[in-house]
């Protein structure tokens, strides 16, 4: 989620998708 959190702008499921494996684990 970090790249999305430190980005300025609206929320983005694109910038945050690398968190998905952690959620599945």
PDBML (XML) file of the C-alpha atoms, coordinates in Angstrom:
<?xml version="1.0" encoding="UTF-8" ?>
<PDBx:datablock datablockName="MODEL"
   xmlns:PDBx="http://pdbml.pdb.org/schema/pdbx-v50.xsd"
   xmlns:xsi="http://www.w3.org/2001/XMLSchema-instance"
   xsi:schemaLocation="http://pdbml.pdb.org/schema/pdbx-v50.xsd pdbx-v50.xsd">
   <PDBx:atom_siteCategory>
      <PDBx:atom_site id="1">
         <PDBx:B_iso_or_equiv>0.00</PDBx:B_iso_or_equiv>
         <PDBx:Cartn_x>0.000</PDBx:Cartn_x>
         <PDBx:Cartn_y>0.000</PDBx:Cartn_y>
         <PDBx:Cartn_z>0.000</PDBx:Cartn_z>
         <PDBx:auth_asym_id>A</PDBx:auth_asym_id>
         <PDBx:auth_atom_id>CA</PDBx:auth_atom_id>
         <PDBx:auth_comp_id>UNK</PDBx:auth_comp_id>
         <PDBx:auth_seq_id>1</PDBx:auth_seq_id>
         <PDBx:group_PDB>ATOM</PDBx:group_PDB>
         <PDBx:label_alt_id xsi:nil="true" />
         <PDBx:label_asym_id>A</PDBx:label_asym_id>
         <PDBx:label_atom_id>CA</PDBx:label_atom_id>
         <PDBx:label_comp_id>UNK</PDBx:label_comp_id>
         <PDBx:label_entity_id>1</PDBx:label_entity_id>
         <PDBx:label_seq_id>1</PDBx:label_seq_id>
         <PDBx:occupancy>1.00</PDBx:occupancy>
         <PDBx:pdbx_PDB_model_num>1</PDBx:pdbx_PDB_model_num>
         <PDBx:type_symbol>C</PDBx:type_symbol>
      </PDBx:atom_site>
      <PDBx:atom_site id="2">
         <PDBx:B_iso_or_equiv>0.00</PDBx:B_iso_or_equiv>
         <PDBx:Cartn_x>2.941</PDBx:Cartn_x>
         <PDBx:Cartn_y>2.334</PDBx:Cartn_y>
         <PDBx:Cartn_z>0.647</PDBx:Cartn_z>
         <PDBx:auth_asym_id>A</PDBx:auth_asym_id>
         <PDBx:auth_atom_id>CA</PDBx:auth_atom_id>
         <PDBx:auth_comp_id>UNK</PDBx:auth_comp_id>
         <PDBx:auth_seq_id>2</PDBx:auth_seq_id>
         <PDBx:group_PDB>ATOM</PDBx:group_PDB>
         <PDBx:label_alt_id xsi:nil="true" />
         <PDBx:label_asym_id>A</PDBx:label_asym_id>
         <PDBx:label_atom_id>CA</PDBx:label_atom_id>
         <PDBx:label_comp_id>UNK</PDBx:label_comp_id>
         <PDBx:label_entity_id>1</PDBx:label_entity_id>
         <PDBx:label_seq_id>2</PDBx:label_seq_id>
         <PDBx:occupancy>1.00</PDBx:occupancy>
         <PDBx:pdbx_PDB_model_num>1</PDBx:pdbx_PDB_model_num>
         <PDBx:type_symbol>C</PDBx:type_symbol>
      </PDBx:atom_site>
      <PDBx:atom_site id="3">
         <PDBx:B_iso_or_equiv>0.00</PDBx:B_iso_or_equiv>
         <PDBx:Cartn_x>3.420</PDBx:Cartn_x>
         <PDBx:Cartn_y>3.647</PDBx:Cartn_y>
         <PDBx:Cartn_z>-2.933</PDBx:Cartn_z>
         <PDBx:auth_asym_id>A</PDBx:auth_asym_id>
         <PDBx:auth_atom_id>CA</PDBx:auth_atom_id>
         <PDBx:auth_comp_id>UNK</PDBx:auth_comp_id>
         <PDBx:auth_seq_id>3</PDBx:auth_seq_id>
         <PDBx:group_PDB>ATOM</PDBx:group_PDB>
         <PDBx:label_alt_id xsi:nil="true" />
         <PDBx:label_asym_id>A</PDBx:label_asym_id>
         <PDBx:label_atom_id>CA</PDBx:label_atom_id>
         <PDBx:label_comp_id>UNK</PDBx:label_comp_id>
         <PDBx:label_entity_id>1</PDBx:label_entity_id>
         <PDBx:label_seq_id>3</PDBx:label_seq_id>
         <PDBx:occupancy>1.00</PDBx:occupancy>
         <PDBx:pdbx_PDB_model_num>1</PDBx:pdbx_PDB_model_num>
         <PDBx:type_symbol>C</PDBx:type_symbol>
      </PDBx:atom_site>
      <PDBx:atom_site id="4">
         <PDBx:B_iso_or_equiv>0.00</PDBx:B_iso_or_equiv>
         <PDBx:Cartn_x>-0.256</PDBx:Cartn_x>
         <PDBx:Cartn_y>4.606</PDBx:Cartn_y>
         <PDBx:Cartn_z>-2.988</PDBx:Cartn_z>
         <PDBx:auth_asym_id>A</PDBx:auth_asym_id>
         <PDBx:auth_atom_id>CA</PDBx:auth_atom_id>
         <PDBx:auth_comp_id>UNK</PDBx:auth_comp_id>
         <PDBx:auth_seq_id>4</PDBx:auth_seq_id>
         <PDBx:group_PDB>ATOM</PDBx:group_PDB>
         <PDBx:label_alt_id xsi:nil="true" />
         <PDBx:label_asym_id>A</PDBx:label_asym_id>
         <PDBx:label_atom_id>CA</PDBx:label_atom_id>
         <PDBx:label_comp_id>UNK</PDBx:label_comp_id>
         <PDBx:label_entity_id>1</PDBx:label_entity_id>
         <PDBx:label_seq_id>4</PDBx:label_seq_id>
         <PDBx:occupancy>1.00</PDBx:occupancy>
         <PDBx:pdbx_PDB_model_num>1</PDBx:pdbx_PDB_model_num>
         <PDBx:type_symbol>C</PDBx:type_symbol>
      </PDBx:atom_site>
      <PDBx:atom_site id="5">
         <PDBx:B_iso_or_equiv>0.00</PDBx:B_iso_or_equiv>
         <PDBx:Cartn_x>-0.194</PDBx:Cartn_x>
         <PDBx:Cartn_y>6.108</PDBx:Cartn_y>
         <PDBx:Cartn_z>0.506</PDBx:Cartn_z>
         <PDBx:auth_asym_id>A</PDBx:auth_asym_id>
         <PDBx:auth_atom_id>CA</PDBx:auth_atom_id>
         <PDBx:auth_comp_id>UNK</PDBx:auth_comp_id>
         <PDBx:auth_seq_id>5</PDBx:auth_seq_id>
         <PDBx:group_PDB>ATOM</PDBx:group_PDB>
         <PDBx:label_alt_id xsi:nil="true" />
         <PDBx:label_asym_id>A</PDBx:label_asym_id>
         <PDBx:label_atom_id>CA</PDBx:label_atom_id>
         <PDBx:label_comp_id>UNK</PDBx:label_comp_id>
         <PDBx:label_entity_id>1</PDBx:label_entity_id>
         <PDBx:label_seq_id>5</PDBx:label_seq_id>
         <PDBx:occupancy>1.00</PDBx:occupancy>
         <PDBx:pdbx_PDB_model_num>1</PDBx:pdbx_PDB_model_num>
         <PDBx:type_symbol>C</PDBx:type_symbol>
      </PDBx:atom_site>
      <PDBx:atom_site id="6">
         <PDBx:B_iso_or_equiv>0.00</PDBx:B_iso_or_equiv>
         <PDBx:Cartn_x>2.717</PDBx:Cartn_x>
         <PDBx:Cartn_y>8.424</PDBx:Cartn_y>
         <PDBx:Cartn_z>-0.286</PDBx:Cartn_z>
         <PDBx:auth_asym_id>A</PDBx:auth_asym_id>
         <PDBx:auth_atom_id>CA</PDBx:auth_atom_id>
         <PDBx:auth_comp_id>UNK</PDBx:auth_comp_id>
         <PDBx:auth_seq_id>6</PDBx:auth_seq_id>
         <PDBx:group_PDB>ATOM</PDBx:group_PDB>
         <PDBx:label_alt_id xsi:nil="true" />
         <PDBx:label_asym_id>A</PDBx:label_asym_id>
         <PDBx:label_atom_id>CA</PDBx:label_atom_id>
         <PDBx:label_comp_id>UNK</PDBx:label_comp_id>
         <PDBx:label_entity_id>1</PDBx:label_entity_id>
         <PDBx:label_seq_id>6</PDBx:label_seq_id>
         <PDBx:occupancy>1.00</PDBx:occupancy>
         <PDBx:pdbx_PDB_model_num>1</PDBx:pdbx_PDB_model_num>
         <PDBx:type_symbol>C</PDBx:type_symbol>
      </PDBx:atom_site>
      <PDBx:atom_site id="7">
         <PDBx:B_iso_or_equiv>0.00</PDBx:B_iso_or_equiv>
         <PDBx:Cartn_x>1.180</PDBx:Cartn_x>
         <PDBx:Cartn_y>9.520</PDBx:Cartn_y>
         <PDBx:Cartn_z>-3.609</PDBx:Cartn_z>
         <PDBx:auth_asym_id>A</PDBx:auth_asym_id>
         <PDBx:auth_atom_id>CA</PDBx:auth_atom_id>
         <PDBx:auth_comp_id>UNK</PDBx:auth_comp_id>
         <PDBx:auth_seq_id>7</PDBx:auth_seq_id>
         <PDBx:group_PDB>ATOM</PDBx:group_PDB>
         <PDBx:label_alt_id xsi:nil="true" />
         <PDBx:label_asym_id>A</PDBx:label_asym_id>
         <PDBx:label_atom_id>CA</PDBx:label_atom_id>
         <PDBx:label_comp_id>UNK</PDBx:label_comp_id>
         <PDBx:label_entity_id>1</PDBx:label_entity_id>
         <PDBx:label_seq_id>7</PDBx:label_seq_id>
         <PDBx:occupancy>1.00</PDBx:occupancy>
         <PDBx:pdbx_PDB_model_num>1</PDBx:pdbx_PDB_model_num>
         <PDBx:type_symbol>C</PDBx:type_symbol>
      </PDBx:atom_site>
      <PDBx:atom_site id="8">
         <PDBx:B_iso_or_equiv>0.00</PDBx:B_iso_or_equiv>
         <PDBx:Cartn_x>-0.655</PDBx:Cartn_x>
         <PDBx:Cartn_y>12.820</PDBx:Cartn_y>
         <PDBx:Cartn_z>-3.788</PDBx:Cartn_z>
         <PDBx:auth_asym_id>A</PDBx:auth_asym_id>
         <PDBx:auth_atom_id>CA</PDBx:auth_atom_id>
         <PDBx:auth_comp_id>UNK</PDBx:auth_comp_id>
         <PDBx:auth_seq_id>8</PDBx:auth_seq_id>
         <PDBx:group_PDB>ATOM</PDBx:group_PDB>
         <PDBx:label_alt_id xsi:nil="true" />
         <PDBx:label_asym_id>A</PDBx:label_asym_id>
         <PDBx:label_atom_id>CA</PDBx:label_atom_id>
         <PDBx:label_comp_id>UNK</PDBx:label_comp_id>
         <PDBx:label_entity_id>1</PDBx:label_entity_id>
         <PDBx:label_seq_id>8</PDBx:label_seq_id>
         <PDBx:occupancy>1.00</PDBx:occupancy>
         <PDBx:pdbx_PDB_model_num>1</PDBx:pdbx_PDB_model_num>
         <PDBx:type_symbol>C</PDBx:type_symbol>
      </PDBx:atom_site>
      <PDBx:atom_site id="9">
         <PDBx:B_iso_or_equiv>0.00</PDBx:B_iso_or_equiv>
         <PDBx:Cartn_x>-4.078</PDBx:Cartn_x>
         <PDBx:Cartn_y>12.399</PDBx:Cartn_y>
         <PDBx:Cartn_z>-5.321</PDBx:Cartn_z>
         <PDBx:auth_asym_id>A</PDBx:auth_asym_id>
         <PDBx:auth_atom_id>CA</PDBx:auth_atom_id>
         <PDBx:auth_comp_id>UNK</PDBx:auth_comp_id>
         <PDBx:auth_seq_id>9</PDBx:auth_seq_id>
         <PDBx:group_PDB>ATOM</PDBx:group_PDB>
         <PDBx:label_alt_id xsi:nil="true" />
         <PDBx:label_asym_id>A</PDBx:label_asym_id>
         <PDBx:label_atom_id>CA</PDBx:label_atom_id>
         <PDBx:label_comp_id>UNK</PDBx:label_comp_id>
         <PDBx:label_entity_id>1</PDBx:label_entity_id>
         <PDBx:label_seq_id>9</PDBx:label_seq_id>
         <PDBx:occupancy>1.00</PDBx:occupancy>
         <PDBx:pdbx_PDB_model_num>1</PDBx:pdbx_PDB_model_num>
         <PDBx:type_symbol>C</PDBx:type_symbol>
      </PDBx:atom_site>
      <PDBx:atom_site id="10">
         <PDBx:B_iso_or_equiv>0.00</PDBx:B_iso_or_equiv>
         <PDBx:Cartn_x>-7.166</PDBx:Cartn_x>
         <PDBx:Cartn_y>10.242</PDBx:Cartn_y>
         <PDBx:Cartn_z>-5.138</PDBx:Cartn_z>
         <PDBx:auth_asym_id>A</PDBx:auth_asym_id>
         <PDBx:auth_atom_id>CA</PDBx:auth_atom_id>
         <PDBx:auth_comp_id>UNK</PDBx:auth_comp_id>
         <PDBx:auth_seq_id>10</PDBx:auth_seq_id>
         <PDBx:group_PDB>ATOM</PDBx:group_PDB>
         <PDBx:label_alt_id xsi:nil="true" />
         <PDBx:label_asym_id>A</PDBx:label_asym_id>
         <PDBx:label_atom_id>CA</PDBx:label_atom_id>
         <PDBx:label_comp_id>UNK</PDBx:label_comp_id>
         <PDBx:label_entity_id>1</PDBx:label_entity_id>
         <PDBx:label_seq_id>10</PDBx:label_seq_id>
         <PDBx:occupancy>1.00</PDBx:occupancy>
         <PDBx:pdbx_PDB_model_num>1</PDBx:pdbx_PDB_model_num>
         <PDBx:type_symbol>C</PDBx:type_symbol>
      </PDBx:atom_site>
      <PDBx:atom_site id="11">
         <PDBx:B_iso_or_equiv>0.00</PDBx:B_iso_or_equiv>
         <PDBx:Cartn_x>-7.147</PDBx:Cartn_x>
         <PDBx:Cartn_y>6.642</PDBx:Cartn_y>
         <PDBx:Cartn_z>-3.989</PDBx:Cartn_z>
         <PDBx:auth_asym_id>A</PDBx:auth_asym_id>
         <PDBx:auth_atom_id>CA</PDBx:auth_atom_id>
         <PDBx:auth_comp_id>UNK</PDBx:auth_comp_id>
         <PDBx:auth_seq_id>11</PDBx:auth_seq_id>
         <PDBx:group_PDB>ATOM</PDBx:group_PDB>
         <PDBx:label_alt_id xsi:nil="true" />
         <PDBx:label_asym_id>A</PDBx:label_asym_id>
         <PDBx:label_atom_id>CA</PDBx:label_atom_id>
         <PDBx:label_comp_id>UNK</PDBx:label_comp_id>
         <PDBx:label_entity_id>1</PDBx:label_entity_id>
         <PDBx:label_seq_id>11</PDBx:label_seq_id>
         <PDBx:occupancy>1.00</PDBx:occupancy>
         <PDBx:pdbx_PDB_model_num>1</PDBx:pdbx_PDB_model_num>
         <PDBx:type_symbol>C</PDBx:type_symbol>
      </PDBx:atom_site>
      <PDBx:atom_site id="12">
         <PDBx:B_iso_or_equiv>0.00</PDBx:B_iso_or_equiv>
         <PDBx:Cartn_x>-6.014</PDBx:Cartn_x>
         <PDBx:Cartn_y>4.150</PDBx:Cartn_y>
         <PDBx:Cartn_z>-6.595</PDBx:Cartn_z>
         <PDBx:auth_asym_id>A</PDBx:auth_asym_id>
         <PDBx:auth_atom_id>CA</PDBx:auth_atom_id>
         <PDBx:auth_comp_id>UNK</PDBx:auth_comp_id>
         <PDBx:auth_seq_id>12</PDBx:auth_seq_id>
         <PDBx:group_PDB>ATOM</PDBx:group_PDB>
         <PDBx:label_alt_id xsi:nil="true" />
         <PDBx:label_asym_id>A</PDBx:label_asym_id>
         <PDBx:label_atom_id>CA</PDBx:label_atom_id>
         <PDBx:label_comp_id>UNK</PDBx:label_comp_id>
         <PDBx:label_entity_id>1</PDBx:label_entity_id>
         <PDBx:label_seq_id>12</PDBx:label_seq_id>
         <PDBx:occupancy>1.00</PDBx:occupancy>
         <PDBx:pdbx_PDB_model_num>1</PDBx:pdbx_PDB_model_num>
         <PDBx:type_symbol>C</PDBx:type_symbol>
      </PDBx:atom_site>
      <PDBx:atom_site id="13">
         <PDBx:B_iso_or_equiv>0.00</PDBx:B_iso_or_equiv>
         <PDBx:Cartn_x>-6.467</PDBx:Cartn_x>
         <PDBx:Cartn_y>0.381</PDBx:Cartn_y>
         <PDBx:Cartn_z>-6.652</PDBx:Cartn_z>
         <PDBx:auth_asym_id>A</PDBx:auth_asym_id>
         <PDBx:auth_atom_id>CA</PDBx:auth_atom_id>
         <PDBx:auth_comp_id>UNK</PDBx:auth_comp_id>
         <PDBx:auth_seq_id>13</PDBx:auth_seq_id>
         <PDBx:group_PDB>ATOM</PDBx:group_PDB>
         <PDBx:label_alt_id xsi:nil="true" />
         <PDBx:label_asym_id>A</PDBx:label_asym_id>
         <PDBx:label_atom_id>CA</PDBx:label_atom_id>
         <PDBx:label_comp_id>UNK</PDBx:label_comp_id>
         <PDBx:label_entity_id>1</PDBx:label_entity_id>
         <PDBx:label_seq_id>13</PDBx:label_seq_id>
         <PDBx:occupancy>1.00</PDBx:occupancy>
         <PDBx:pdbx_PDB_model_num>1</PDBx:pdbx_PDB_model_num>
         <PDBx:type_symbol>C</PDBx:type_symbol>
      </PDBx:atom_site>
      <PDBx:atom_site id="14">
         <PDBx:B_iso_or_equiv>0.00</PDBx:B_iso_or_equiv>
         <PDBx:Cartn_x>-3.828</PDBx:Cartn_x>
         <PDBx:Cartn_y>0.369</PDBx:Cartn_y>
         <PDBx:Cartn_z>-9.391</PDBx:Cartn_z>
         <PDBx:auth_asym_id>A</PDBx:auth_asym_id>
         <PDBx:auth_atom_id>CA</PDBx:auth_atom_id>
         <PDBx:auth_comp_id>UNK</PDBx:auth_comp_id>
         <PDBx:auth_seq_id>14</PDBx:auth_seq_id>
         <PDBx:group_PDB>ATOM</PDBx:group_PDB>
         <PDBx:label_alt_id xsi:nil="true" />
         <PDBx:label_asym_id>A</PDBx:label_asym_id>
         <PDBx:label_atom_id>CA</PDBx:label_atom_id>
         <PDBx:label_comp_id>UNK</PDBx:label_comp_id>
         <PDBx:label_entity_id>1</PDBx:label_entity_id>
         <PDBx:label_seq_id>14</PDBx:label_seq_id>
         <PDBx:occupancy>1.00</PDBx:occupancy>
         <PDBx:pdbx_PDB_model_num>1</PDBx:pdbx_PDB_model_num>
         <PDBx:type_symbol>C</PDBx:type_symbol>
      </PDBx:atom_site>
      <PDBx:atom_site id="15">
         <PDBx:B_iso_or_equiv>0.00</PDBx:B_iso_or_equiv>
         <PDBx:Cartn_x>-0.994</PDBx:Cartn_x>
         <PDBx:Cartn_y>1.867</PDBx:Cartn_y>
         <PDBx:Cartn_z>-7.334</PDBx:Cartn_z>
         <PDBx:auth_asym_id>A</PDBx:auth_asym_id>
         <PDBx:auth_atom_id>CA</PDBx:auth_atom_id>
         <PDBx:auth_comp_id>UNK</PDBx:auth_comp_id>
         <PDBx:auth_seq_id>15</PDBx:auth_seq_id>
         <PDBx:group_PDB>ATOM</PDBx:group_PDB>
         <PDBx:label_alt_id xsi:nil="true" />
         <PDBx:label_asym_id>A</PDBx:label_asym_id>
         <PDBx:label_atom_id>CA</PDBx:label_atom_id>
         <PDBx:label_comp_id>UNK</PDBx:label_comp_id>
         <PDBx:label_entity_id>1</PDBx:label_entity_id>
         <PDBx:label_seq_id>15</PDBx:label_seq_id>
         <PDBx:occupancy>1.00</PDBx:occupancy>
         <PDBx:pdbx_PDB_model_num>1</PDBx:pdbx_PDB_model_num>
         <PDBx:type_symbol>C</PDBx:type_symbol>
      </PDBx:atom_site>
      <PDBx:atom_site id="16">
         <PDBx:B_iso_or_equiv>0.00</PDBx:B_iso_or_equiv>
         <PDBx:Cartn_x>-1.852</PDBx:Cartn_x>
         <PDBx:Cartn_y>-0.340</PDBx:Cartn_y>
         <PDBx:Cartn_z>-4.344</PDBx:Cartn_z>
         <PDBx:auth_asym_id>A</PDBx:auth_asym_id>
         <PDBx:auth_atom_id>CA</PDBx:auth_atom_id>
         <PDBx:auth_comp_id>UNK</PDBx:auth_comp_id>
         <PDBx:auth_seq_id>16</PDBx:auth_seq_id>
         <PDBx:group_PDB>ATOM</PDBx:group_PDB>
         <PDBx:label_alt_id xsi:nil="true" />
         <PDBx:label_asym_id>A</PDBx:label_asym_id>
         <PDBx:label_atom_id>CA</PDBx:label_atom_id>
         <PDBx:label_comp_id>UNK</PDBx:label_comp_id>
         <PDBx:label_entity_id>1</PDBx:label_entity_id>
         <PDBx:label_seq_id>16</PDBx:label_seq_id>
         <PDBx:occupancy>1.00</PDBx:occupancy>
         <PDBx:pdbx_PDB_model_num>1</PDBx:pdbx_PDB_model_num>
         <PDBx:type_symbol>C</PDBx:type_symbol>
      </PDBx:atom_site>
      <PDBx:atom_site id="17">
         <PDBx:B_iso_or_equiv>0.00</PDBx:B_iso_or_equiv>
         <PDBx:Cartn_x>-2.307</PDBx:Cartn_x>
         <PDBx:Cartn_y>-3.754</PDBx:Cartn_y>
         <PDBx:Cartn_z>-5.979</PDBx:Cartn_z>
         <PDBx:auth_asym_id>A</PDBx:auth_asym_id>
         <PDBx:auth_atom_id>CA</PDBx:auth_atom_id>
         <PDBx:auth_comp_id>UNK</PDBx:auth_comp_id>
         <PDBx:auth_seq_id>17</PDBx:auth_seq_id>
         <PDBx:group_PDB>ATOM</PDBx:group_PDB>
         <PDBx:label_alt_id xsi:nil="true" />
         <PDBx:label_asym_id>A</PDBx:label_asym_id>
         <PDBx:label_atom_id>CA</PDBx:label_atom_id>
         <PDBx:label_comp_id>UNK</PDBx:label_comp_id>
         <PDBx:label_entity_id>1</PDBx:label_entity_id>
         <PDBx:label_seq_id>17</PDBx:label_seq_id>
         <PDBx:occupancy>1.00</PDBx:occupancy>
         <PDBx:pdbx_PDB_model_num>1</PDBx:pdbx_PDB_model_num>
         <PDBx:type_symbol>C</PDBx:type_symbol>
      </PDBx:atom_site>
      <PDBx:atom_site id="18">
         <PDBx:B_iso_or_equiv>0.00</PDBx:B_iso_or_equiv>
         <PDBx:Cartn_x>1.066</PDBx:Cartn_x>
         <PDBx:Cartn_y>-5.068</PDBx:Cartn_y>
         <PDBx:Cartn_z>-4.771</PDBx:Cartn_z>
         <PDBx:auth_asym_id>A</PDBx:auth_asym_id>
         <PDBx:auth_atom_id>CA</PDBx:auth_atom_id>
         <PDBx:auth_comp_id>UNK</PDBx:auth_comp_id>
         <PDBx:auth_seq_id>18</PDBx:auth_seq_id>
         <PDBx:group_PDB>ATOM</PDBx:group_PDB>
         <PDBx:label_alt_id xsi:nil="true" />
         <PDBx:label_asym_id>A</PDBx:label_asym_id>
         <PDBx:label_atom_id>CA</PDBx:label_atom_id>
         <PDBx:label_comp_id>UNK</PDBx:label_comp_id>
         <PDBx:label_entity_id>1</PDBx:label_entity_id>
         <PDBx:label_seq_id>18</PDBx:label_seq_id>
         <PDBx:occupancy>1.00</PDBx:occupancy>
         <PDBx:pdbx_PDB_model_num>1</PDBx:pdbx_PDB_model_num>
         <PDBx:type_symbol>C</PDBx:type_symbol>
      </PDBx:atom_site>
      <PDBx:atom_site id="19">
         <PDBx:B_iso_or_equiv>0.00</PDBx:B_iso_or_equiv>
         <PDBx:Cartn_x>-0.608</PDBx:Cartn_x>
         <PDBx:Cartn_y>-5.390</PDBx:Cartn_y>
         <PDBx:Cartn_z>-1.350</PDBx:Cartn_z>
         <PDBx:auth_asym_id>A</PDBx:auth_asym_id>
         <PDBx:auth_atom_id>CA</PDBx:auth_atom_id>
         <PDBx:auth_comp_id>UNK</PDBx:auth_comp_id>
         <PDBx:auth_seq_id>19</PDBx:auth_seq_id>
         <PDBx:group_PDB>ATOM</PDBx:group_PDB>
         <PDBx:label_alt_id xsi:nil="true" />
         <PDBx:label_asym_id>A</PDBx:label_asym_id>
         <PDBx:label_atom_id>CA</PDBx:label_atom_id>
         <PDBx:label_comp_id>UNK</PDBx:label_comp_id>
         <PDBx:label_entity_id>1</PDBx:label_entity_id>
         <PDBx:label_seq_id>19</PDBx:label_seq_id>
         <PDBx:occupancy>1.00</PDBx:occupancy>
         <PDBx:pdbx_PDB_model_num>1</PDBx:pdbx_PDB_model_num>
         <PDBx:type_symbol>C</PDBx:type_symbol>
      </PDBx:atom_site>
      <PDBx:atom_site id="20">
         <PDBx:B_iso_or_equiv>0.00</PDBx:B_iso_or_equiv>
         <PDBx:Cartn_x>-2.921</PDBx:Cartn_x>
         <PDBx:Cartn_y>-8.120</PDBx:Cartn_y>
         <PDBx:Cartn_z>-2.672</PDBx:Cartn_z>
         <PDBx:auth_asym_id>A</PDBx:auth_asym_id>
         <PDBx:auth_atom_id>CA</PDBx:auth_atom_id>
         <PDBx:auth_comp_id>UNK</PDBx:auth_comp_id>
         <PDBx:auth_seq_id>20</PDBx:auth_seq_id>
         <PDBx:group_PDB>ATOM</PDBx:group_PDB>
         <PDBx:label_alt_id xsi:nil="true" />
         <PDBx:label_asym_id>A</PDBx:label_asym_id>
         <PDBx:label_atom_id>CA</PDBx:label_atom_id>
         <PDBx:label_comp_id>UNK</PDBx:label_comp_id>
         <PDBx:label_entity_id>1</PDBx:label_entity_id>
         <PDBx:label_seq_id>20</PDBx:label_seq_id>
         <PDBx:occupancy>1.00</PDBx:occupancy>
         <PDBx:pdbx_PDB_model_num>1</PDBx:pdbx_PDB_model_num>
         <PDBx:type_symbol>C</PDBx:type_symbol>
      </PDBx:atom_site>
      <PDBx:atom_site id="21">
         <PDBx:B_iso_or_equiv>0.00</PDBx:B_iso_or_equiv>
         <PDBx:Cartn_x>-0.629</PDBx:Cartn_x>
         <PDBx:Cartn_y>-11.121</PDBx:Cartn_y>
         <PDBx:Cartn_z>-1.897</PDBx:Cartn_z>
         <PDBx:auth_asym_id>A</PDBx:auth_asym_id>
         <PDBx:auth_atom_id>CA</PDBx:auth_atom_id>
         <PDBx:auth_comp_id>UNK</PDBx:auth_comp_id>
         <PDBx:auth_seq_id>21</PDBx:auth_seq_id>
         <PDBx:group_PDB>ATOM</PDBx:group_PDB>
         <PDBx:label_alt_id xsi:nil="true" />
         <PDBx:label_asym_id>A</PDBx:label_asym_id>
         <PDBx:label_atom_id>CA</PDBx:label_atom_id>
         <PDBx:label_comp_id>UNK</PDBx:label_comp_id>
         <PDBx:label_entity_id>1</PDBx:label_entity_id>
         <PDBx:label_seq_id>21</PDBx:label_seq_id>
         <PDBx:occupancy>1.00</PDBx:occupancy>
         <PDBx:pdbx_PDB_model_num>1</PDBx:pdbx_PDB_model_num>
         <PDBx:type_symbol>C</PDBx:type_symbol>
      </PDBx:atom_site>
      <PDBx:atom_site id="22">
         <PDBx:B_iso_or_equiv>0.00</PDBx:B_iso_or_equiv>
         <PDBx:Cartn_x>-0.355</PDBx:Cartn_x>
         <PDBx:Cartn_y>-9.896</PDBx:Cartn_y>
         <PDBx:Cartn_z>1.696</PDBx:Cartn_z>
         <PDBx:auth_asym_id>A</PDBx:auth_asym_id>
         <PDBx:auth_atom_id>CA</PDBx:auth_atom_id>
         <PDBx:auth_comp_id>UNK</PDBx:auth_comp_id>
         <PDBx:auth_seq_id>22</PDBx:auth_seq_id>
         <PDBx:group_PDB>ATOM</PDBx:group_PDB>
         <PDBx:label_alt_id xsi:nil="true" />
         <PDBx:label_asym_id>A</PDBx:label_asym_id>
         <PDBx:label_atom_id>CA</PDBx:label_atom_id>
         <PDBx:label_comp_id>UNK</PDBx:label_comp_id>
         <PDBx:label_entity_id>1</PDBx:label_entity_id>
         <PDBx:label_seq_id>22</PDBx:label_seq_id>
         <PDBx:occupancy>1.00</PDBx:occupancy>
         <PDBx:pdbx_PDB_model_num>1</PDBx:pdbx_PDB_model_num>
         <PDBx:type_symbol>C</PDBx:type_symbol>
      </PDBx:atom_site>
      <PDBx:atom_site id="23">
         <PDBx:B_iso_or_equiv>0.00</PDBx:B_iso_or_equiv>
         <PDBx:Cartn_x>-4.132</PDBx:Cartn_x>
         <PDBx:Cartn_y>-9.741</PDBx:Cartn_y>
         <PDBx:Cartn_z>2.000</PDBx:Cartn_z>
         <PDBx:auth_asym_id>A</PDBx:auth_asym_id>
         <PDBx:auth_atom_id>CA</PDBx:auth_atom_id>
         <PDBx:auth_comp_id>UNK</PDBx:auth_comp_id>
         <PDBx:auth_seq_id>23</PDBx:auth_seq_id>
         <PDBx:group_PDB>ATOM</PDBx:group_PDB>
         <PDBx:label_alt_id xsi:nil="true" />
         <PDBx:label_asym_id>A</PDBx:label_asym_id>
         <PDBx:label_atom_id>CA</PDBx:label_atom_id>
         <PDBx:label_comp_id>UNK</PDBx:label_comp_id>
         <PDBx:label_entity_id>1</PDBx:label_entity_id>
         <PDBx:label_seq_id>23</PDBx:label_seq_id>
         <PDBx:occupancy>1.00</PDBx:occupancy>
         <PDBx:pdbx_PDB_model_num>1</PDBx:pdbx_PDB_model_num>
         <PDBx:type_symbol>C</PDBx:type_symbol>
      </PDBx:atom_site>
      <PDBx:atom_site id="24">
         <PDBx:B_iso_or_equiv>0.00</PDBx:B_iso_or_equiv>
         <PDBx:Cartn_x>-4.455</PDBx:Cartn_x>
         <PDBx:Cartn_y>-13.276</PDBx:Cartn_y>
         <PDBx:Cartn_z>0.608</PDBx:Cartn_z>
         <PDBx:auth_asym_id>A</PDBx:auth_asym_id>
         <PDBx:auth_atom_id>CA</PDBx:auth_atom_id>
         <PDBx:auth_comp_id>UNK</PDBx:auth_comp_id>
         <PDBx:auth_seq_id>24</PDBx:auth_seq_id>
         <PDBx:group_PDB>ATOM</PDBx:group_PDB>
         <PDBx:label_alt_id xsi:nil="true" />
         <PDBx:label_asym_id>A</PDBx:label_asym_id>
         <PDBx:label_atom_id>CA</PDBx:label_atom_id>
         <PDBx:label_comp_id>UNK</PDBx:label_comp_id>
         <PDBx:label_entity_id>1</PDBx:label_entity_id>
         <PDBx:label_seq_id>24</PDBx:label_seq_id>
         <PDBx:occupancy>1.00</PDBx:occupancy>
         <PDBx:pdbx_PDB_model_num>1</PDBx:pdbx_PDB_model_num>
         <PDBx:type_symbol>C</PDBx:type_symbol>
      </PDBx:atom_site>
      <PDBx:atom_site id="25">
         <PDBx:B_iso_or_equiv>0.00</PDBx:B_iso_or_equiv>
         <PDBx:Cartn_x>-1.818</PDBx:Cartn_x>
         <PDBx:Cartn_y>-14.603</PDBx:Cartn_y>
         <PDBx:Cartn_z>2.989</PDBx:Cartn_z>
         <PDBx:auth_asym_id>A</PDBx:auth_asym_id>
         <PDBx:auth_atom_id>CA</PDBx:auth_atom_id>
         <PDBx:auth_comp_id>UNK</PDBx:auth_comp_id>
         <PDBx:auth_seq_id>25</PDBx:auth_seq_id>
         <PDBx:group_PDB>ATOM</PDBx:group_PDB>
         <PDBx:label_alt_id xsi:nil="true" />
         <PDBx:label_asym_id>A</PDBx:label_asym_id>
         <PDBx:label_atom_id>CA</PDBx:label_atom_id>
         <PDBx:label_comp_id>UNK</PDBx:label_comp_id>
         <PDBx:label_entity_id>1</PDBx:label_entity_id>
         <PDBx:label_seq_id>25</PDBx:label_seq_id>
         <PDBx:occupancy>1.00</PDBx:occupancy>
         <PDBx:pdbx_PDB_model_num>1</PDBx:pdbx_PDB_model_num>
         <PDBx:type_symbol>C</PDBx:type_symbol>
      </PDBx:atom_site>
   </PDBx:atom_siteCategory>
</PDBx:datablock>
